[in-house]
Amino acid sequence: TRLTKQPGQLDAVTVHRSAAAGMEVTICDGCDFSRLYDVPNLVNNDKIIHTVTYAVAGLVVATSTYTWTLRIATPRLVDVGYNPGTGAPRFNAEAFDYTLRLPSGSTATTTRLTKQPGELDAVIVHRSTAAGRDIPICQGCNFNSMYNVLDLVHDDKIIHTVTHSVNGFIVDQKTYTWTLLIPTPQLIQAFYNPGTMAPSFDAAVYEYDMTLPAGVDSTLLTLVKQPGELNAAIVHGGAGRADRTICQNCEFDRALLLNGLVDKDRITATVTYTVTGQVVSREVYVWNFFLPPRAQKLKHCQPSTNCQDCECGINTNSLAPTGARYEKIQLPDVGIATCYDQYDDASAGAPGEEAFIRCYSPTLSRGVTADVSAEPRAGGCKGTWAEAKAWCEALSITLGAAGNLPRTQSALTGTGLPDGTVVEDWRLAMDVAEAGTYCGSGCSGDFDWAWVEFDVFTSSPTAPTVSPTRSPTRSPTRSPATRSPTRSPTRTPPSLSPTTRAPTTRSPTRSPTTVPPTASPTMPATMS
């Protein structure tokens, strides 16, 4: 600054009322009107004050004070950019809170600051959930340079503090915060082949029922995920058996073999998202397996053993005690006896295989053969396991009905139940003794394969042992979310699965329904 005066004696004092210094700083006292004076460390709203005095012989004649208030625009940020990432709202130097949306599974971005001309100092800090602390990205940051921000998780914050100072005095300081929105990568599909899953896969559903085709005990599981670092661990468990780890760090988009499955087994997939060792989220998916029983068949009726009051031969089964005879079943009406191997066991049937269809009634403790001692069957005495199961469970016979075949009357005589009783609890035999009741029931089926159902399907699996702890959290200061099943599995059995009756003893398990002998049968399948 410089002062210029008219001729005459004037005295001048110039002071700088300085915000940076926090006081008035004298620039000159008795200022020389012919020279320039430097006024440093100026900031907005500082004042430069000139006081001019005219005095004669020490008497102050006049004093004038001139004040200049400084208007100095403070340099500001122009923009803050991210790559990748979309900030919202658009940057404004007077708006201070933003969100930054990154692609699913992203763990890094770069940021750059752009400013107006002028002296600004910038500090960038990453408030990190994974590290549990603030991580400096740069101090005295270089504007227009790119800075990497790593190990990001959802709800982290990137904080830019921009300061304008003069001689150590902070003239202006602004803090801008970006809160990160990063969708946590998720499992988006689980495929089983073969197998039917219910309900269809949904990342927010944590428990499923899986039904395999009859006779199948293995399947292929393929897990598909969103982009991002996910870890999957798969465990095969079941009631009464130790859990078996299928894989740790399982590969996604690759079919994994699950074998040795039995009914009510459980497959558990634990899917974890971590960043630098910090667990961000953990989700537990459980599939409860339901395996319809395999087709089973039995060949234990002994041929050419029909006789009256005779002994059965010595049992040649290696499991039979030495000298033991075959078990005898004797029809009460004519005393005809038939023998069967009481130590035999069921064998697995092949898909599409046909065998004799022979049914058992717990009420009567008797067995019959389709088309001969039961009702006529269009397909004859043989069929597939599924056909045999469905046919027996639909069978209805009225005792003593006029249209019953002689073989039917013979097979069902002596039950102690009156004529007109409708018997509808027919099914496949569930053990060797039940199967023995149909030996000698016709169609030349003895000592040939007949369908049975020794392994009975149940629709009430045990509840999984996974602890239900669904408490998602997105706060950086909380524990990570763990999502897992919260219900006990329930299901409806497949249409061809057997009823859940336990095998019965030979004693009747229900009171028969008695109708007059002349009544019509209650089902179309009634024997005639």
Protein backbone atom coordinates (compact mmCIF):
# COMPACT_ATOMS: atom_id res chain seq x y z
CA THR A 1 0.00 0.00 0.00
CA ARG A 2 1.12 3.62 -0.57
CA LEU A 3 -0.32 6.92 0.60
CA THR A 4 -0.20 10.14 -1.38
CA LYS A 5 -0.89 13.56 0.19
CA GLN A 6 -1.17 17.25 -0.61
CA PRO A 7 1.76 19.55 0.28
CA GLY A 8 1.94 20.17 3.98
CA GLN A 9 2.76 18.33 7.20
CA LEU A 10 0.75 15.11 7.65
CA ASP A 11 1.49 12.12 9.85
CA ALA A 12 0.23 8.64 8.91
CA VAL A 13 -0.08 5.31 10.73
CA THR A 14 -1.06 2.12 8.84
CA VAL A 15 -2.15 -1.03 10.67
CA HIS A 16 -3.35 -4.45 9.50
CA ARG A 17 -6.19 -5.84 11.59
CA SER A 18 -5.21 -9.47 10.99
CA ALA A 19 -7.36 -12.56 11.55
CA ALA A 20 -4.32 -14.75 11.03
CA ALA A 21 -2.31 -12.93 13.70
CA GLY A 22 -5.32 -12.34 15.89
CA MET A 23 -4.32 -8.71 16.48
CA GLU A 24 -3.51 -5.43 14.79
CA VAL A 25 -0.13 -5.49 13.10
CA THR A 26 1.56 -2.12 12.55
CA ILE A 27 2.66 -1.70 8.97
CA CYS A 28 4.20 1.75 9.45
CA ASP A 29 4.12 4.59 12.00
CA GLY A 30 5.11 7.98 10.61
CA CYS A 31 4.73 6.43 7.20
CA ASP A 32 6.78 7.71 4.31
CA PHE A 33 4.29 9.00 1.77
CA SER A 34 6.69 8.31 -1.08
CA ARG A 35 7.06 4.55 -0.68
CA LEU A 36 5.17 1.23 -0.87
CA TYR A 37 4.54 -0.89 2.22
CA ASP A 38 3.96 -4.67 2.14
CA VAL A 39 0.91 -6.00 3.99
CA PRO A 40 1.33 -9.82 4.19
CA ASN A 41 -0.82 -12.72 5.47
CA LEU A 42 -4.10 -11.32 4.33
CA VAL A 43 -7.32 -13.25 4.62
CA ASN A 44 -10.92 -12.53 3.80
CA ASN A 45 -12.47 -9.85 6.02
CA ASP A 46 -9.14 -8.52 7.27
CA LYS A 47 -8.91 -4.73 7.49
CA ILE A 48 -6.17 -2.25 6.50
CA ILE A 49 -6.56 0.98 8.47
CA HIS A 50 -4.82 4.28 7.65
CA THR A 51 -4.95 7.03 10.30
CA VAL A 52 -3.77 10.48 9.03
CA THR A 53 -3.17 13.36 11.45
CA TYR A 54 -2.51 17.11 10.79
CA ALA A 55 -0.88 18.90 13.78
CA VAL A 56 0.61 22.38 14.33
CA ALA A 57 3.04 22.93 17.19
CA GLY A 58 1.85 19.70 18.73
CA LEU A 59 -1.78 20.63 18.46
CA VAL A 60 -3.82 18.09 16.54
CA VAL A 61 -5.85 20.06 14.08
CA ALA A 62 -7.47 17.13 12.21
CA THR A 63 -7.45 13.32 12.22
CA SER A 64 -8.91 11.09 9.49
CA THR A 65 -9.16 7.29 9.60
CA TYR A 66 -9.61 5.27 6.42
CA THR A 67 -10.54 1.58 6.55
CA TRP A 68 -10.39 -1.01 3.79
CA THR A 69 -12.21 -4.30 4.44
CA LEU A 70 -10.72 -7.07 2.33
CA ARG A 71 -12.82 -9.32 0.15
CA ILE A 72 -10.68 -12.32 -0.79
CA ALA A 73 -12.43 -15.33 -2.38
CA THR A 74 -11.39 -18.56 -0.59
CA PRO A 75 -10.19 -21.25 -3.04
CA ARG A 76 -12.56 -24.23 -3.09
CA LEU A 77 -12.83 -27.78 -4.33
CA VAL A 78 -14.31 -28.01 -7.80
CA ASP A 79 -14.88 -31.76 -7.97
CA VAL A 80 -14.11 -35.11 -6.35
CA GLY A 81 -14.08 -38.04 -8.75
CA TYR A 82 -14.16 -41.82 -8.20
CA ASN A 83 -13.37 -44.69 -10.53
CA PRO A 84 -15.19 -47.00 -10.25
CA GLY A 85 -18.12 -45.54 -8.42
CA THR A 86 -21.11 -43.25 -8.84
CA GLY A 87 -21.52 -40.46 -6.30
CA ALA A 88 -24.86 -38.97 -5.32
CA PRO A 89 -25.77 -36.17 -5.31
CA ARG A 90 -23.48 -34.48 -7.79
CA PHE A 91 -20.58 -32.72 -6.13
CA ASN A 92 -21.22 -29.25 -4.74
CA ALA A 93 -18.63 -27.44 -2.65
CA GLU A 94 -21.34 -26.47 -0.17
CA ALA A 95 -22.78 -30.00 0.21
CA PHE A 96 -20.86 -32.28 2.52
CA ASP A 97 -22.49 -35.73 2.67
CA TYR A 98 -22.65 -38.14 -0.27
CA THR A 99 -23.11 -41.78 -1.13
CA LEU A 100 -20.80 -43.69 -3.44
CA ARG A 101 -22.29 -46.75 -5.14
CA LEU A 102 -19.80 -49.38 -6.29
CA PRO A 103 -20.40 -52.60 -8.25
CA SER A 104 -21.24 -55.73 -6.27
CA GLY A 105 -18.20 -57.22 -4.59
CA SER A 106 -15.94 -54.22 -5.26
CA THR A 107 -13.13 -53.79 -2.78
CA ALA A 108 -11.21 -50.83 -4.29
CA THR A 109 -11.65 -47.50 -6.02
CA THR A 110 -9.51 -44.48 -6.95
CA THR A 111 -10.25 -40.87 -6.07
CA ARG A 112 -9.02 -37.50 -7.35
CA LEU A 113 -9.60 -33.93 -6.11
CA THR A 114 -9.78 -30.87 -8.35
CA LYS A 115 -9.62 -27.30 -6.92
CA GLN A 116 -9.75 -23.66 -7.86
CA PRO A 117 -6.48 -21.71 -8.02
CA GLY A 118 -5.19 -20.91 -4.57
CA GLU A 119 -3.55 -22.58 -1.61
CA LEU A 120 -5.54 -25.55 -0.35
CA ASP A 121 -4.40 -28.47 1.75
CA ALA A 122 -6.20 -31.82 1.53
CA VAL A 123 -6.24 -34.93 3.71
CA ILE A 124 -8.02 -38.14 2.64
CA VAL A 125 -8.95 -40.83 5.17
CA HIS A 126 -10.62 -44.24 4.71
CA ARG A 127 -12.80 -45.14 7.68
CA SER A 128 -12.42 -48.91 7.31
CA THR A 129 -14.73 -51.56 8.74
CA ALA A 130 -12.27 -54.30 7.83
CA ALA A 131 -9.40 -52.61 9.66
CA GLY A 132 -11.56 -51.21 12.44
CA ARG A 133 -9.89 -47.79 12.23
CA ASP A 134 -9.25 -44.75 10.04
CA ILE A 135 -6.57 -45.36 7.40
CA PRO A 136 -4.78 -42.27 5.98
CA ILE A 137 -4.79 -42.26 2.18
CA CYS A 138 -2.80 -39.03 1.76
CA GLN A 139 -1.83 -35.89 3.68
CA GLY A 140 -0.94 -32.75 1.77
CA CYS A 141 -2.58 -34.54 -1.13
CA ASN A 142 -1.53 -33.62 -4.63
CA PHE A 143 -4.55 -32.26 -6.48
CA ASN A 144 -5.23 -33.88 -9.85
CA SER A 145 -3.44 -37.05 -8.71
CA MET A 146 -5.25 -40.40 -8.41
CA TYR A 147 -5.22 -42.14 -5.03
CA ASN A 148 -6.09 -45.79 -4.46
CA VAL A 149 -8.51 -46.68 -1.66
CA LEU A 150 -8.38 -50.42 -0.93
CA ASP A 151 -10.13 -53.09 1.16
CA LEU A 152 -13.53 -51.47 0.92
CA VAL A 153 -16.73 -52.94 2.33
CA HIS A 154 -20.31 -51.76 2.48
CA ASP A 155 -20.86 -48.74 4.78
CA ASP A 156 -17.19 -47.74 4.79
CA LYS A 157 -16.55 -44.00 4.49
CA ILE A 158 -14.05 -41.98 2.46
CA ILE A 159 -13.48 -38.58 4.08
CA HIS A 160 -11.84 -35.57 2.38
CA THR A 161 -10.84 -32.65 4.62
CA VAL A 162 -9.85 -29.51 2.69
CA THR A 163 -8.21 -26.59 4.51
CA HIS A 164 -7.29 -23.06 3.45
CA SER A 165 -4.84 -21.48 5.89
CA VAL A 166 -2.65 -18.41 6.01
CA ASN A 167 0.52 -18.38 8.09
CA GLY A 168 -0.85 -21.30 10.07
CA PHE A 169 -4.21 -19.65 10.59
CA ILE A 170 -7.10 -21.75 9.34
CA VAL A 171 -9.23 -19.50 7.25
CA ASP A 172 -11.63 -22.16 6.02
CA GLN A 173 -11.97 -25.89 6.52
CA LYS A 174 -14.55 -28.21 4.98
CA THR A 175 -15.06 -31.93 5.40
CA TYR A 176 -16.73 -34.05 2.71
CA THR A 177 -17.85 -37.61 3.42
CA TRP A 178 -18.78 -40.39 1.00
CA THR A 179 -20.59 -43.39 2.50
CA LEU A 180 -20.02 -46.49 0.38
CA LEU A 181 -22.89 -48.58 -0.95
CA ILE A 182 -21.43 -51.89 -2.07
CA PRO A 183 -23.88 -54.77 -2.59
CA THR A 184 -22.42 -57.79 -0.84
CA PRO A 185 -21.82 -60.52 -3.44
CA GLN A 186 -24.32 -63.30 -3.01
CA LEU A 187 -25.06 -66.83 -4.07
CA ILE A 188 -27.54 -66.41 -6.92
CA GLN A 189 -28.28 -70.02 -7.82
CA ALA A 190 -27.82 -73.60 -6.67
CA PHE A 191 -28.46 -76.32 -9.24
CA TYR A 192 -28.96 -79.99 -8.38
CA ASN A 193 -28.87 -82.59 -11.15
CA PRO A 194 -30.80 -84.77 -10.70
CA GLY A 195 -33.20 -83.56 -8.04
CA THR A 196 -36.21 -81.34 -7.43
CA MET A 197 -35.76 -78.36 -5.11
CA ALA A 198 -38.60 -76.71 -3.22
CA PRO A 199 -38.95 -73.80 -3.09
CA SER A 200 -36.95 -72.50 -6.05
CA PHE A 201 -33.63 -70.99 -5.03
CA ASP A 202 -33.68 -67.47 -3.62
CA ALA A 203 -30.65 -65.91 -1.95
CA ALA A 204 -32.88 -64.72 0.91
CA VAL A 205 -34.31 -68.20 1.58
CA TYR A 206 -32.05 -70.43 3.64
CA GLU A 207 -33.73 -73.84 3.81
CA TYR A 208 -34.98 -76.14 1.06
CA ASP A 209 -36.36 -79.61 0.46
CA MET A 210 -34.58 -81.76 -2.13
CA THR A 211 -36.24 -84.85 -3.58
CA LEU A 212 -34.20 -87.25 -5.67
CA PRO A 213 -35.67 -89.72 -8.16
CA ALA A 214 -36.44 -93.18 -6.82
CA GLY A 215 -33.32 -95.30 -6.57
CA VAL A 216 -30.90 -92.39 -6.92
CA ASP A 217 -28.39 -91.73 -4.11
CA SER A 218 -26.09 -89.15 -5.72
CA THR A 219 -26.43 -85.79 -7.42
CA LEU A 220 -24.34 -82.92 -8.77
CA LEU A 221 -24.45 -79.52 -7.07
CA THR A 222 -23.42 -76.35 -8.88
CA LEU A 223 -23.20 -73.04 -7.00
CA VAL A 224 -23.38 -69.76 -8.94
CA LYS A 225 -22.45 -66.40 -7.39
CA GLN A 226 -22.34 -62.71 -8.20
CA PRO A 227 -18.97 -61.12 -8.98
CA GLY A 228 -16.86 -60.73 -5.85
CA GLU A 229 -14.79 -62.78 -3.47
CA LEU A 230 -17.02 -65.41 -1.90
CA ASN A 231 -15.95 -68.55 -0.09
CA ALA A 232 -18.17 -71.62 0.08
CA ALA A 233 -17.83 -74.66 2.33
CA ILE A 234 -20.13 -77.65 1.78
CA VAL A 235 -20.85 -80.28 4.43
CA HIS A 236 -22.82 -83.53 4.08
CA GLY A 237 -24.61 -84.53 7.28
CA GLY A 238 -27.36 -86.86 8.39
CA ALA A 239 -29.14 -88.16 11.44
CA GLY A 240 -26.87 -90.37 13.51
CA ARG A 241 -23.85 -89.84 11.25
CA ALA A 242 -20.83 -87.60 11.57
CA ASP A 243 -20.72 -84.62 9.20
CA ARG A 244 -18.50 -85.06 6.17
CA THR A 245 -16.83 -82.08 4.51
CA ILE A 246 -17.33 -82.11 0.75
CA CYS A 247 -15.07 -79.14 0.09
CA GLN A 248 -13.59 -75.99 1.59
CA ASN A 249 -13.03 -73.04 -0.75
CA CYS A 250 -15.40 -74.80 -3.12
CA GLU A 251 -15.29 -73.81 -6.75
CA PHE A 252 -18.25 -71.91 -8.11
CA ASP A 253 -19.77 -72.66 -11.53
CA ARG A 254 -18.48 -76.23 -11.30
CA ALA A 255 -20.53 -79.37 -10.65
CA LEU A 256 -19.61 -81.00 -7.34
CA LEU A 257 -20.46 -84.67 -6.76
CA LEU A 258 -22.55 -85.50 -3.70
CA ASN A 259 -22.82 -89.26 -3.27
CA GLY A 260 -23.80 -91.76 -0.63
CA LEU A 261 -27.02 -89.85 0.10
CA VAL A 262 -29.78 -91.43 2.15
CA ASP A 263 -33.21 -90.26 3.18
CA LYS A 264 -33.16 -87.29 5.60
CA ASP A 265 -29.56 -86.40 4.83
CA ARG A 266 -28.66 -82.74 4.88
CA ILE A 267 -26.34 -80.68 2.68
CA THR A 268 -25.17 -77.40 4.23
CA ALA A 269 -23.42 -74.68 2.24
CA THR A 270 -21.83 -71.87 4.25
CA VAL A 271 -21.11 -68.88 2.02
CA THR A 272 -18.80 -66.24 3.50
CA TYR A 273 -17.72 -62.83 2.22
CA THR A 274 -14.50 -61.51 3.75
CA VAL A 275 -12.27 -58.52 3.14
CA THR A 276 -8.69 -58.71 4.46
CA GLY A 277 -9.74 -61.43 6.86
CA GLN A 278 -12.73 -59.50 8.20
CA VAL A 279 -16.00 -61.43 7.87
CA VAL A 280 -18.49 -59.06 6.29
CA SER A 281 -21.37 -61.52 5.88
CA ARG A 282 -22.01 -65.22 6.31
CA GLU A 283 -25.03 -67.08 4.94
CA VAL A 284 -25.93 -70.69 5.67
CA TYR A 285 -28.07 -72.64 3.21
CA VAL A 286 -29.50 -76.06 4.07
CA TRP A 287 -31.01 -78.66 1.76
CA ASN A 288 -32.93 -81.48 3.45
CA PHE A 289 -32.88 -84.56 1.24
CA PHE A 290 -35.80 -86.88 0.68
CA LEU A 291 -35.04 -90.10 -1.16
CA PRO A 292 -38.05 -92.17 -2.17
CA PRO A 293 -37.30 -95.83 -1.48
CA ARG A 294 -35.57 -97.83 -4.13
CA ALA A 295 -37.59 -100.38 -5.99
CA GLN A 296 -37.22 -103.53 -3.89
CA LYS A 297 -38.01 -107.13 -4.72
CA LEU A 298 -37.99 -110.45 -2.92
CA LYS A 299 -37.78 -114.07 -4.09
CA HIS A 300 -38.33 -116.17 -0.98
CA CYS A 301 -41.41 -118.35 -1.68
CA GLN A 302 -40.28 -121.93 -2.20
CA PRO A 303 -41.64 -123.72 -5.29
CA SER A 304 -43.50 -127.02 -5.27
CA THR A 305 -44.04 -126.98 -1.50
CA ASN A 306 -47.81 -126.95 -1.52
CA CYS A 307 -48.92 -129.81 0.71
CA GLN A 308 -51.22 -130.64 3.59
CA ASP A 309 -49.87 -131.17 7.08
CA CYS A 310 -46.31 -131.39 5.78
CA GLU A 311 -43.02 -130.08 7.06
CA CYS A 312 -41.02 -127.53 5.13
CA GLY A 313 -37.57 -128.51 3.97
CA ILE A 314 -34.25 -127.55 5.53
CA ASN A 315 -33.45 -123.89 4.91
CA THR A 316 -30.34 -123.62 2.70
CA ASN A 317 -29.84 -119.92 3.30
CA SER A 318 -26.33 -119.35 4.74
CA LEU A 319 -27.90 -117.05 7.34
CA ALA A 320 -30.20 -119.79 8.67
CA PRO A 321 -29.12 -121.78 11.73
CA THR A 322 -28.03 -125.34 11.05
CA GLY A 323 -31.02 -127.61 10.67
CA ALA A 324 -33.57 -124.78 10.58
CA ARG A 325 -36.49 -125.34 8.24
CA TYR A 326 -38.21 -122.92 5.95
CA GLU A 327 -41.10 -121.06 7.56
CA LYS A 328 -44.53 -122.53 6.82
CA ILE A 329 -47.72 -120.68 6.11
CA GLN A 330 -50.89 -122.80 5.99
CA LEU A 331 -54.22 -121.70 4.57
CA PRO A 332 -56.98 -122.64 7.00
CA ASP A 333 -59.71 -123.56 4.51
CA VAL A 334 -58.11 -126.56 2.87
CA GLY A 335 -54.96 -126.90 4.92
CA ILE A 336 -52.64 -126.17 2.00
CA ALA A 337 -49.21 -125.16 3.31
CA THR A 338 -46.57 -123.08 1.53
CA CYS A 339 -42.99 -122.52 2.64
CA TYR A 340 -40.81 -119.41 2.46
CA ASP A 341 -37.29 -118.38 3.43
CA GLN A 342 -37.65 -116.38 6.63
CA TYR A 343 -33.98 -115.31 6.49
CA ASP A 344 -34.12 -113.77 3.03
CA ASP A 345 -33.93 -110.04 2.41
CA ALA A 346 -35.03 -107.65 -0.30
CA SER A 347 -32.88 -106.81 -3.32
CA ALA A 348 -32.81 -103.65 -5.37
CA GLY A 349 -34.91 -103.59 -8.48
CA ALA A 350 -33.81 -102.01 -11.73
CA PRO A 351 -35.58 -99.05 -13.39
CA GLY A 352 -38.34 -100.36 -15.63
CA GLU A 353 -38.00 -103.91 -14.34
CA GLU A 354 -41.19 -105.96 -14.00
CA ALA A 355 -41.95 -108.41 -11.21
CA PHE A 356 -45.02 -110.00 -9.65
CA ILE A 357 -47.51 -107.70 -7.98
CA ARG A 358 -48.45 -109.19 -4.61
CA CYS A 359 -50.22 -107.16 -1.92
CA TYR A 360 -50.53 -107.47 1.86
CA SER A 361 -53.37 -106.38 4.20
CA PRO A 362 -52.51 -105.67 7.87
CA THR A 363 -56.19 -106.06 8.73
CA LEU A 364 -56.34 -109.59 7.33
CA SER A 365 -52.69 -110.54 7.71
CA ARG A 366 -53.10 -112.13 4.28
CA GLY A 367 -51.48 -111.68 0.90
CA VAL A 368 -52.91 -111.80 -2.61
CA THR A 369 -51.59 -111.72 -6.16
CA ALA A 370 -52.85 -109.32 -8.83
CA ASP A 371 -55.18 -110.84 -11.44
CA VAL A 372 -55.54 -114.17 -9.60
CA SER A 373 -56.37 -113.93 -5.89
CA ALA A 374 -56.96 -110.18 -6.07
CA GLU A 375 -59.06 -108.36 -8.64
CA PRO A 376 -58.33 -108.79 -12.36
CA ARG A 377 -55.68 -106.39 -13.56
CA ALA A 378 -55.46 -105.28 -17.20
CA GLY A 379 -51.68 -105.52 -17.11
CA GLY A 380 -51.68 -109.01 -15.68
CA CYS A 381 -49.76 -110.33 -12.70
CA LYS A 382 -46.59 -108.31 -13.31
CA GLY A 383 -45.65 -104.66 -13.47
CA THR A 384 -43.03 -102.13 -12.39
CA TRP A 385 -42.42 -101.30 -8.73
CA ALA A 386 -44.28 -97.98 -9.04
CA GLU A 387 -47.21 -99.73 -10.73
CA ALA A 388 -47.25 -102.40 -8.03
CA LYS A 389 -47.19 -99.84 -5.24
CA ALA A 390 -49.98 -97.74 -6.75
CA TRP A 391 -52.10 -100.77 -7.61
CA CYS A 392 -51.88 -102.36 -4.16
CA GLU A 393 -52.67 -99.10 -2.37
CA ALA A 394 -55.76 -98.62 -4.56
CA LEU A 395 -56.98 -102.20 -4.11
CA SER A 396 -60.31 -102.84 -2.35
CA ILE A 397 -61.78 -106.32 -1.71
CA THR A 398 -65.15 -107.09 -0.15
CA LEU A 399 -65.07 -110.36 1.78
CA GLY A 400 -67.56 -112.91 0.55
CA ALA A 401 -68.69 -110.83 -2.44
CA ALA A 402 -70.56 -112.91 -4.98
CA GLY A 403 -68.21 -112.01 -7.79
CA ASN A 404 -64.97 -112.91 -5.99
CA LEU A 405 -62.79 -115.44 -7.75
CA PRO A 406 -62.50 -118.86 -6.12
CA ARG A 407 -58.84 -118.18 -5.53
CA THR A 408 -59.82 -115.00 -3.67
CA GLN A 409 -62.32 -116.83 -1.49
CA SER A 410 -59.72 -119.48 -0.71
CA ALA A 411 -56.98 -116.96 0.12
CA LEU A 412 -59.21 -114.90 2.42
CA THR A 413 -61.11 -117.66 4.21
CA GLY A 414 -60.69 -117.95 7.95
CA THR A 415 -59.89 -114.30 8.72
CA GLY A 416 -62.57 -114.17 11.39
CA LEU A 417 -64.23 -111.19 9.75
CA PRO A 418 -67.79 -111.36 8.43
CA ASP A 419 -68.70 -111.34 4.80
CA GLY A 420 -69.32 -107.84 3.52
CA THR A 421 -66.24 -106.45 5.24
CA VAL A 422 -64.52 -104.01 2.89
CA VAL A 423 -60.75 -104.32 3.10
CA GLU A 424 -58.83 -101.32 1.72
CA ASP A 425 -55.51 -101.28 3.58
CA TRP A 426 -53.61 -103.25 0.95
CA ARG A 427 -50.02 -102.33 0.30
CA LEU A 428 -46.66 -103.87 -0.58
CA ALA A 429 -45.21 -106.18 2.08
CA MET A 430 -42.85 -104.45 4.49
CA ASP A 431 -41.00 -107.47 5.88
CA VAL A 432 -40.31 -111.11 5.10
CA ALA A 433 -43.17 -112.42 7.25
CA GLU A 434 -45.70 -110.14 5.57
CA ALA A 435 -44.38 -111.24 2.18
CA GLY A 436 -44.73 -114.88 3.25
CA THR A 437 -48.51 -114.50 3.44
CA TYR A 438 -48.78 -114.17 -0.33
CA CYS A 439 -46.81 -117.34 -1.10
CA GLY A 440 -49.06 -119.81 -2.91
CA SER A 441 -51.51 -117.05 -3.95
CA GLY A 442 -51.25 -117.94 -7.62
CA CYS A 443 -50.04 -116.84 -11.03
CA SER A 444 -46.99 -119.15 -10.68
CA GLY A 445 -45.29 -116.35 -8.77
CA ASP A 446 -43.61 -118.49 -6.11
CA PHE A 447 -39.83 -118.52 -6.23
CA ASP A 448 -39.87 -115.61 -8.63
CA TRP A 449 -39.36 -111.94 -7.91
CA ALA A 450 -42.23 -109.99 -6.31
CA TRP A 451 -42.20 -106.32 -5.36
CA VAL A 452 -41.88 -105.32 -1.66
CA GLU A 453 -41.21 -102.15 0.29
CA PHE A 454 -38.90 -102.86 3.19
CA ASP A 455 -37.39 -99.35 3.27
CA VAL A 456 -40.38 -97.15 4.02
CA PHE A 457 -40.22 -93.50 2.99
CA THR A 458 -41.00 -90.97 5.72
CA SER A 459 -42.09 -87.40 5.21
CA SER A 460 -41.04 -86.14 8.66
CA PRO A 461 -37.29 -85.51 8.58
CA THR A 462 -35.37 -84.46 11.63
CA ALA A 463 -34.75 -80.77 12.01
CA PRO A 464 -31.35 -79.50 10.87
CA THR A 465 -28.77 -78.75 13.52
CA VAL A 466 -27.87 -75.38 12.02
CA SER A 467 -28.53 -72.68 14.59
CA PRO A 468 -31.06 -70.15 13.32
CA THR A 469 -29.29 -66.81 13.70
CA ARG A 470 -30.67 -64.45 11.12
CA SER A 471 -29.52 -61.05 12.36
CA PRO A 472 -28.20 -59.06 9.39
CA THR A 473 -26.23 -55.94 10.12
CA ARG A 474 -24.72 -53.26 7.96
CA SER A 475 -23.18 -51.06 10.65
CA PRO A 476 -19.36 -50.95 10.59
CA THR A 477 -19.28 -51.32 14.37
CA ARG A 478 -21.39 -54.46 14.56
CA SER A 479 -20.67 -58.12 14.01
CA PRO A 480 -21.15 -59.47 10.47
CA ALA A 481 -24.51 -60.86 9.42
CA THR A 482 -25.12 -64.57 9.66
CA ARG A 483 -28.19 -65.87 7.87
CA SER A 484 -29.34 -69.44 8.31
CA PRO A 485 -32.49 -71.56 8.35
CA THR A 486 -35.10 -70.71 10.95
CA ARG A 487 -37.64 -73.46 10.42
CA SER A 488 -37.95 -77.20 10.83
CA PRO A 489 -38.29 -78.84 7.42
CA THR A 490 -41.70 -80.00 6.31
CA ARG A 491 -42.73 -81.43 2.98
CA THR A 492 -45.35 -83.25 1.02
CA PRO A 493 -44.14 -86.68 -0.21
CA PRO A 494 -44.00 -87.42 -3.93
CA SER A 495 -47.21 -88.72 -5.44
CA LEU A 496 -45.87 -92.25 -5.70
CA SER A 497 -44.32 -92.35 -2.26
CA PRO A 498 -45.84 -94.78 0.24
CA THR A 499 -47.94 -93.83 3.15
CA THR A 500 -46.09 -93.38 6.43
CA ARG A 501 -47.60 -96.41 8.14
CA ALA A 502 -45.24 -98.43 10.26
CA PRO A 503 -45.13 -102.17 9.48
CA THR A 504 -47.86 -103.90 11.39
CA THR A 505 -48.00 -107.20 13.21
CA ARG A 506 -50.29 -109.94 12.06
CA SER A 507 -52.99 -108.71 14.41
CA PRO A 508 -55.58 -106.46 12.74
CA THR A 509 -54.73 -102.78 13.18
CA ARG A 510 -58.21 -101.36 12.69
CA SER A 511 -61.79 -102.37 13.02
CA PRO A 512 -63.15 -103.48 9.66
CA THR A 513 -66.12 -101.80 8.13
CA THR A 514 -69.02 -104.26 7.94
CA VAL A 515 -71.61 -103.93 5.21
CA PRO A 516 -74.41 -106.30 4.20
CA PRO A 517 -73.24 -109.04 1.86
CA THR A 518 -75.43 -107.67 -0.90
CA ALA A 519 -73.93 -104.20 -0.75
CA SER A 520 -72.02 -102.91 -3.71
CA PRO A 521 -68.26 -102.46 -3.22
CA THR A 522 -67.18 -98.99 -2.13
CA MET A 523 -64.48 -98.59 -4.79
CA PRO A 524 -64.37 -99.39 -8.50
CA ALA A 525 -61.45 -101.74 -7.85
CA THR A 526 -63.57 -104.15 -5.82
CA MET A 527 -62.99 -107.83 -6.65
CA SER A 528 -65.63 -109.61 -8.66
